[in-house]
PDB file of N, CA and C in Angstrom:
ATOM      1  N   UNK A   1       0.813  -1.197   0.000  1.00  0.00           N
ATOM      2  CA  UNK A   1       0.000   0.000   0.000  1.00  0.00           C
ATOM      3  C   UNK A   1       0.853   1.256   0.000  1.00  0.00           C
ATOM      4  N   UNK A   2       1.930   1.261   0.760  1.00  0.00           N
ATOM      5  CA  UNK A   2       2.785   2.439   0.858  1.00  0.00           C
ATOM      6  C   UNK A   2       3.385   2.773  -0.500  1.00  0.00           C
ATOM      7  N   UNK A   3       3.765   1.759  -1.255  1.00  0.00           N
ATOM      8  CA  UNK A   3       4.327   1.989  -2.584  1.00  0.00           C
ATOM      9  C   UNK A   3       3.304   2.639  -3.518  1.00  0.00           C
ATOM     10  N   UNK A   4       2.049   2.217  -3.414  1.00  0.00           N
ATOM     11  CA  UNK A   4       0.992   2.780  -4.246  1.00  0.00           C
ATOM     12  C   UNK A   4       0.783   4.254  -3.903  1.00  0.00           C
ATOM     13  N   UNK A   5       0.810   4.598  -2.615  1.00  0.00           N
ATOM     14  CA  UNK A   5       0.641   5.993  -2.190  1.00  0.00           C
ATOM     15  C   UNK A   5       1.819   6.842  -2.664  1.00  0.00           C
ATOM     16  N   UNK A   6       3.035   6.310  -2.577  1.00  0.00           N
ATOM     17  CA  UNK A   6       4.219   7.035  -3.047  1.00  0.00           C
ATOM     18  C   UNK A   6       4.117   7.302  -4.547  1.00  0.00           C
ATOM     19  N   UNK A   7       3.660   6.292  -5.281  1.00  0.00           N
ATOM     20  CA  UNK A   7       3.529   6.441  -6.732  1.00  0.00           C
ATOM     21  C   UNK A   7       2.510   7.535  -7.063  1.00  0.00           C
ATOM     22  N   UNK A   8       1.378   7.553  -6.351  1.00  0.00           N
ATOM     23  CA  UNK A   8       0.361   8.573  -6.579  1.00  0.00           C
ATOM     24  C   UNK A   8       0.901   9.962  -6.245  1.00  0.00           C
ATOM     25  N   UNK A   9       1.675  10.056  -5.148  1.00  0.00           N
ATOM     26  CA  UNK A   9       2.266  11.344  -4.763  1.00  0.00           C
ATOM     27  C   UNK A   9       3.225  11.846  -5.843  1.00  0.00           C
ATOM     28  N   UNK A  10       4.036  10.931  -6.379  1.00  0.00           N
ATOM     29  CA  UNK A  10       4.979  11.312  -7.433  1.00  0.00           C
ATOM     30  C   UNK A  10       4.233  11.779  -8.681  1.00  0.00           C
ATOM     31  N   UNK A  11       3.168  11.071  -9.055  1.00  0.00           N
ATOM     32  CA  UNK A  11       2.386  11.453 -10.228  1.00  0.00           C
ATOM     33  C   UNK A  11       1.728  12.818 -10.020  1.00  0.00           C
ATOM     34  N   UNK A  12       1.237  13.045  -8.812  1.00  0.00           N
ATOM     35  CA  UNK A  12       0.598  14.326  -8.508  1.00  0.00           C
ATOM     36  C   UNK A  12       1.625  15.455  -8.572  1.00  0.00           C
ATOM     37  N   UNK A  13       2.788  15.247  -8.010  1.00  0.00           N
ATOM     38  CA  UNK A  13       3.847  16.263  -8.032  1.00  0.00           C
ATOM     39  C   UNK A  13       4.275  16.536  -9.470  1.00  0.00           C
ATOM     40  N   UNK A  14       4.398  15.488 -10.263  1.00  0.00           N
ATOM     41  CA  UNK A  14       4.789  15.648 -11.659  1.00  0.00           C
ATOM     42  C   UNK A  14       3.740  16.443 -12.421  1.00  0.00           C
ATOM     43  N   UNK A  15       2.485  16.146 -12.161  1.00  0.00           N
ATOM     44  CA  UNK A  15       1.392  16.859 -12.819  1.00  0.00           C
ATOM     45  C   UNK A  15       1.389  18.332 -12.435  1.00  0.00           C
ATOM     46  N   UNK A  16       1.638  18.648 -11.169  1.00  0.00           N
ATOM     47  CA  UNK A  16       1.678  20.036 -10.708  1.00  0.00           C
ATOM     48  C   UNK A  16       2.836  20.788 -11.352  1.00  0.00           C
ATOM     49  N   UNK A  17       3.977  20.118 -11.517  1.00  0.00           N
ATOM     50  CA  UNK A  17       5.127  20.755 -12.161  1.00  0.00           C
ATOM     51  C   UNK A  17       4.799  21.086 -13.615  1.00  0.00           C
ATOM     52  N   UNK A  18       4.116  20.179 -14.308  1.00  0.00           N
ATOM     53  CA  UNK A  18       3.733  20.429 -15.696  1.00  0.00           C
ATOM     54  C   UNK A  18       2.795  21.628 -15.782  1.00  0.00           C
ATOM     55  N   UNK A  19       1.877  21.750 -14.824  1.00  0.00           N
ATOM     56  CA  UNK A  19       0.964  22.899 -14.799  1.00  0.00           C
ATOM     57  C   UNK A  19       1.742  24.190 -14.615  1.00  0.00           C
ATOM     58  N   UNK A  20       2.746  24.176 -13.742  1.00  0.00           N
ATOM     59  CA  UNK A  20       3.567  25.363 -13.516  1.00  0.00           C
ATOM     60  C   UNK A  20       4.296  25.771 -14.785  1.00  0.00           C
ATOM     61  N   UNK A  21       4.794  24.797 -15.515  1.00  0.00           N
ATOM     62  CA  UNK A  21       5.527  25.083 -16.745  1.00  0.00           C
ATOM     63  C   UNK A  21       4.593  25.699 -17.775  1.00  0.00           C
ATOM     64  N   UNK A  22       3.404  25.153 -17.926  1.00  0.00           N
ATOM     65  CA  UNK A  22       2.494  25.685 -18.933  1.00  0.00           C
ATOM     66  C   UNK A  22       2.053  27.101 -18.588  1.00  0.00           C
ATOM     67  N   UNK A  23       1.889  27.401 -17.327  1.00  0.00           N
ATOM     68  CA  UNK A  23       1.544  28.768 -16.928  1.00  0.00           C
ATOM     69  C   UNK A  23       2.701  29.697 -17.274  1.00  0.00           C
ATOM     70  N   UNK A  24       3.901  29.270 -17.027  1.00  0.00           N
ATOM     71  CA  UNK A  24       5.062  30.095 -17.350  1.00  0.00           C
ATOM     72  C   UNK A  24       5.141  30.355 -18.848  1.00  0.00           C
ATOM     73  N   UNK A  25       4.889  29.344 -19.647  1.00  0.00           N
ATOM     74  CA  UNK A  25       4.921  29.511 -21.097  1.00  0.00           C
ATOM     75  C   UNK A  25       3.838  30.483 -21.544  1.00  0.00           C
ATOM     76  N   UNK A  26       2.660  30.400 -20.934  1.00  0.00           N
ATOM     77  CA  UNK A  26       1.582  31.333 -21.257  1.00  0.00           C
ATOM     78  C   UNK A  26       1.975  32.756 -20.881  1.00  0.00           C
ATOM     79  N   UNK A  27       2.620  32.908 -19.724  1.00  0.00           N
ATOM     80  CA  UNK A  27       3.064  34.239 -19.296  1.00  0.00           C
ATOM     81  C   UNK A  27       4.069  34.813 -20.276  1.00  0.00           C
ATOM     82  N   UNK A  28       4.968  33.988 -20.760  1.00  0.00           N
ATOM     83  CA  UNK A  28       5.986  34.445 -21.705  1.00  0.00           C
ATOM     84  C   UNK A  28       5.329  34.895 -23.006  1.00  0.00           C
ATOM     85  N   UNK A  29       4.416  34.087 -23.522  1.00  0.00           N
ATOM     86  CA  UNK A  29       3.789  34.464 -24.789  1.00  0.00           C
ATOM     87  C   UNK A  29       2.921  35.702 -24.610  1.00  0.00           C
ATOM     88  N   UNK A  30       2.308  35.873 -23.447  1.00  0.00           N
ATOM     89  CA  UNK A  30       1.524  37.074 -23.191  1.00  0.00           C
ATOM     90  C   UNK A  30       2.444  38.282 -23.125  1.00  0.00           C
ATOM     91  N   UNK A  31       3.597  38.133 -22.486  1.00  0.00           N
ATOM     92  CA  UNK A  31       4.559  39.231 -22.418  1.00  0.00           C
ATOM     93  C   UNK A  31       5.039  39.614 -23.808  1.00  0.00           C
ATOM     94  N   UNK A  32       5.307  38.629 -24.638  1.00  0.00           N
ATOM     95  CA  UNK A  32       5.746  38.902 -26.009  1.00  0.00           C
ATOM     96  C   UNK A  32       4.648  39.623 -26.779  1.00  0.00           C
ATOM     97  N   UNK A  33       3.408  39.206 -26.584  1.00  0.00           N
ATOM     98  CA  UNK A  33       2.298  39.852 -27.262  1.00  0.00           C
ATOM     99  C   UNK A  33       2.163  41.300 -26.808  1.00  0.00           C
ATOM    100  N   UNK A  34       2.252  41.519 -25.483  1.00  0.00           N
ATOM    101  CA  UNK A  34       2.147  42.881 -24.953  1.00  0.00           C
ATOM    102  C   UNK A  34       3.258  43.767 -25.498  1.00  0.00           C
ATOM    103  N   UNK A  35       4.467  43.220 -25.572  1.00  0.00           N
ATOM    104  CA  UNK A  35       5.600  43.985 -26.084  1.00  0.00           C
ATOM    105  C   UNK A  35       5.380  44.351 -27.558  1.00  0.00           C
ATOM    106  N   UNK A  36       4.936  43.386 -28.348  1.00  0.00           N
ATOM    107  CA  UNK A  36       4.684  43.646 -29.767  1.00  0.00           C
ATOM    108  C   UNK A  36       3.570  44.675 -29.932  1.00  0.00           C
ATOM    109  N   UNK A  37       2.547  44.590 -29.084  1.00  0.00           N
ATOM    110  CA  UNK A  37       1.431  45.535 -29.147  1.00  0.00           C
ATOM    111  C   UNK A  37       1.914  46.948 -28.823  1.00  0.00           C
ATOM    112  N   UNK A  38       2.740  47.061 -27.781  1.00  0.00           N
ATOM    113  CA  UNK A  38       3.271  48.375 -27.407  1.00  0.00           C
ATOM    114  C   UNK A  38       4.129  48.966 -28.524  1.00  0.00           C
ATOM    115  N   UNK A  39       4.942  48.144 -29.148  1.00  0.00           N
ATOM    116  CA  UNK A  39       5.793  48.612 -30.249  1.00  0.00           C
ATOM    117  C   UNK A  39       4.924  49.086 -31.405  1.00  0.00           C
ATOM    118  N   UNK A  40       3.915  48.313 -31.759  1.00  0.00           N
ATOM    119  CA  UNK A  40       3.030  48.693 -32.865  1.00  0.00           C
ATOM    120  C   UNK A  40       2.295  49.989 -32.542  1.00  0.00           C
ATOM    121  N   UNK A  41       1.860  50.127 -31.303  1.00  0.00           N
ATOM    122  CA  UNK A  41       1.160  51.338 -30.888  1.00  0.00           C
ATOM    123  C   UNK A  41       2.076  52.551 -30.978  1.00  0.00           C
ATOM    124  N   UNK A  42       3.317  52.389 -30.554  1.00  0.00           N
ATOM    125  CA  UNK A  42       4.283  53.495 -30.635  1.00  0.00           C
ATOM    126  C   UNK A  42       4.578  53.866 -32.089  1.00  0.00           C
ATOM    127  N   UNK A  43       4.666  52.857 -32.950  1.00  0.00           N
ATOM    128  CA  UNK A  43       4.911  53.121 -34.374  1.00  0.00           C
ATOM    129  C   UNK A  43       3.766  53.929 -34.971  1.00  0.00           C
ATOM    130  N   UNK A  44       2.544  53.570 -34.636  1.00  0.00           N
ATOM    131  CA  UNK A  44       1.380  54.303 -35.139  1.00  0.00           C
ATOM    132  C   UNK A  44       1.398  55.732 -34.603  1.00  0.00           C
ATOM    133  N   UNK A  45       1.730  55.868 -33.329  1.00  0.00           N
ATOM    134  CA  UNK A  45       1.788  57.201 -32.721  1.00  0.00           C
ATOM    135  C   UNK A  45       2.844  58.066 -33.405  1.00  0.00           C
ATOM    136  N   UNK A  46       3.999  57.490 -33.679  1.00  0.00           N
ATOM    137  CA  UNK A  46       5.051  58.245 -34.352  1.00  0.00           C
ATOM    138  C   UNK A  46       4.642  58.651 -35.764  1.00  0.00           C
ATOM    139  N   UNK A  47       3.994  57.761 -36.490  1.00  0.00           N
ATOM    140  CA  UNK A  47       3.531  58.087 -37.840  1.00  0.00           C
ATOM    141  C   UNK A  47       2.517  59.221 -37.792  1.00  0.00           C
ATOM    142  N   UNK A  48       1.638  59.177 -36.798  1.00  0.00           N
ATOM    143  CA  UNK A  48       0.634  60.227 -36.650  1.00  0.00           C
ATOM    144  C   UNK A  48       1.303  61.559 -36.335  1.00  0.00           C
ATOM    145  N   UNK A  49       2.286  61.531 -35.448  1.00  0.00           N
ATOM    146  CA  UNK A  49       3.013  62.764 -35.109  1.00  0.00           C
ATOM    147  C   UNK A  49       3.751  63.306 -36.326  1.00  0.00           C
ATOM    148  N   UNK A  50       4.352  62.420 -37.111  1.00  0.00           N
ATOM    149  CA  UNK A  50       5.050  62.846 -38.330  1.00  0.00           C
ATOM    150  C   UNK A  50       4.069  63.488 -39.307  1.00  0.00           C
ATOM    151  N   UNK A  51       2.907  62.876 -39.469  1.00  0.00           N
ATOM    152  CA  UNK A  51       1.907  63.416 -40.385  1.00  0.00           C
ATOM    153  C   UNK A  51       1.410  64.774 -39.896  1.00  0.00           C
ATOM    154  N   UNK A  52       1.205  64.902 -38.599  1.00  0.00           N
ATOM    155  CA  UNK A  52       0.761  66.186 -38.034  1.00  0.00           C
ATOM    156  C   UNK A  52       1.817  67.269 -38.251  1.00  0.00           C
ATOM    157  N   UNK A  53       3.075  66.919 -38.044  1.00  0.00           N
ATOM    158  CA  UNK A  53       4.160  67.886 -38.231  1.00  0.00           C
ATOM    159  C   UNK A  53       4.257  68.299 -39.699  1.00  0.00           C
ATOM    160  N   UNK A  54       4.118  67.344 -40.596  1.00  0.00           N
ATOM    161  CA  UNK A  54       4.152  67.642 -42.028  1.00  0.00           C
ATOM    162  C   UNK A  54       2.997  68.564 -42.421  1.00  0.00           C
ATOM    163  N   UNK A  55       1.841  68.283 -41.887  1.00  0.00           N
ATOM    164  CA  UNK A  55       0.662  69.101 -42.182  1.00  0.00           C
ATOM    165  C   UNK A  55       0.848  70.529 -41.668  1.00  0.00           C
ATOM    166  N   UNK A  56       1.386  70.671 -40.463  1.00  0.00           N
ATOM    167  CA  UNK A  56       1.640  71.991 -39.894  1.00  0.00           C
ATOM    168  C   UNK A  56       2.669  72.739 -40.734  1.00  0.00           C
ATOM    169  N   UNK A  57       3.678  72.039 -41.202  1.00  0.00           N
ATOM    170  CA  UNK A  57       4.710  72.638 -42.038  1.00  0.00           C
ATOM    171  C   UNK A  57       4.109  73.122 -43.364  1.00  0.00           C
ATOM    172  N   UNK A  58       3.240  72.314 -43.957  1.00  0.00           N
ATOM    173  CA  UNK A  58       2.583  72.691 -45.205  1.00  0.00           C
ATOM    174  C   UNK A  58       1.696  73.922 -45.018  1.00  0.00           C
ATOM    175  N   UNK A  59       1.033  73.997 -43.885  1.00  0.00           N
ATOM    176  CA  UNK A  59       0.170  75.141 -43.602  1.00  0.00           C
ATOM    177  C   UNK A  59       0.989  76.422 -43.475  1.00  0.00           C
ATOM    178  N   UNK A  60       2.152  76.302 -42.851  1.00  0.00           N
ATOM    179  CA  UNK A  60       3.047  77.469 -42.729  1.00  0.00           C
ATOM    180  C   UNK A  60       3.499  77.943 -44.100  1.00  0.00           C
ATOM    181  N   UNK A  61       3.818  76.993 -44.970  1.00  0.00           N
ATOM    182  CA  UNK A  61       4.253  77.351 -46.341  1.00  0.00           C
ATOM    183  C   UNK A  61       3.123  78.041 -47.092  1.00  0.00           C
ATOM    184  N   UNK A  62       1.903  77.575 -46.881  1.00  0.00           N
ATOM    185  CA  UNK A  62       0.748  78.175 -47.560  1.00  0.00           C
ATOM    186  C   UNK A  62       0.507  79.603 -47.081  1.00  0.00           C
ATOM    187  N   UNK A  63       0.834  79.884 -45.814  1.00  0.00           N
ATOM    188  CA  UNK A  63       0.635  81.218 -45.267  1.00  0.00           C
ATOM    189  C   UNK A  63       1.640  82.216 -45.842  1.00  0.00           C
ATOM    190  N   UNK A  64       2.788  81.721 -46.190  1.00  0.00           N
ATOM    191  CA  UNK A  64       3.833  82.610 -46.718  1.00  0.00           C
ATOM    192  C   UNK A  64       3.530  82.958 -48.127  1.00  0.00           C
TER     193      UNK A  64
END
């Protein structure tokens, strides 16, 4: 009986370790997604700022 209980304990511990690993992998992929999203958002913001600056520059030229 003791051997059967030890085997079940080992299987349970192994299963818990696998769960921990999968959570870590999910956290990593979520972090990568968040990083990519932030980069894309910054790129869009920079393009918008560039377009606004160009438009302001064109307006100044039109005034002259």
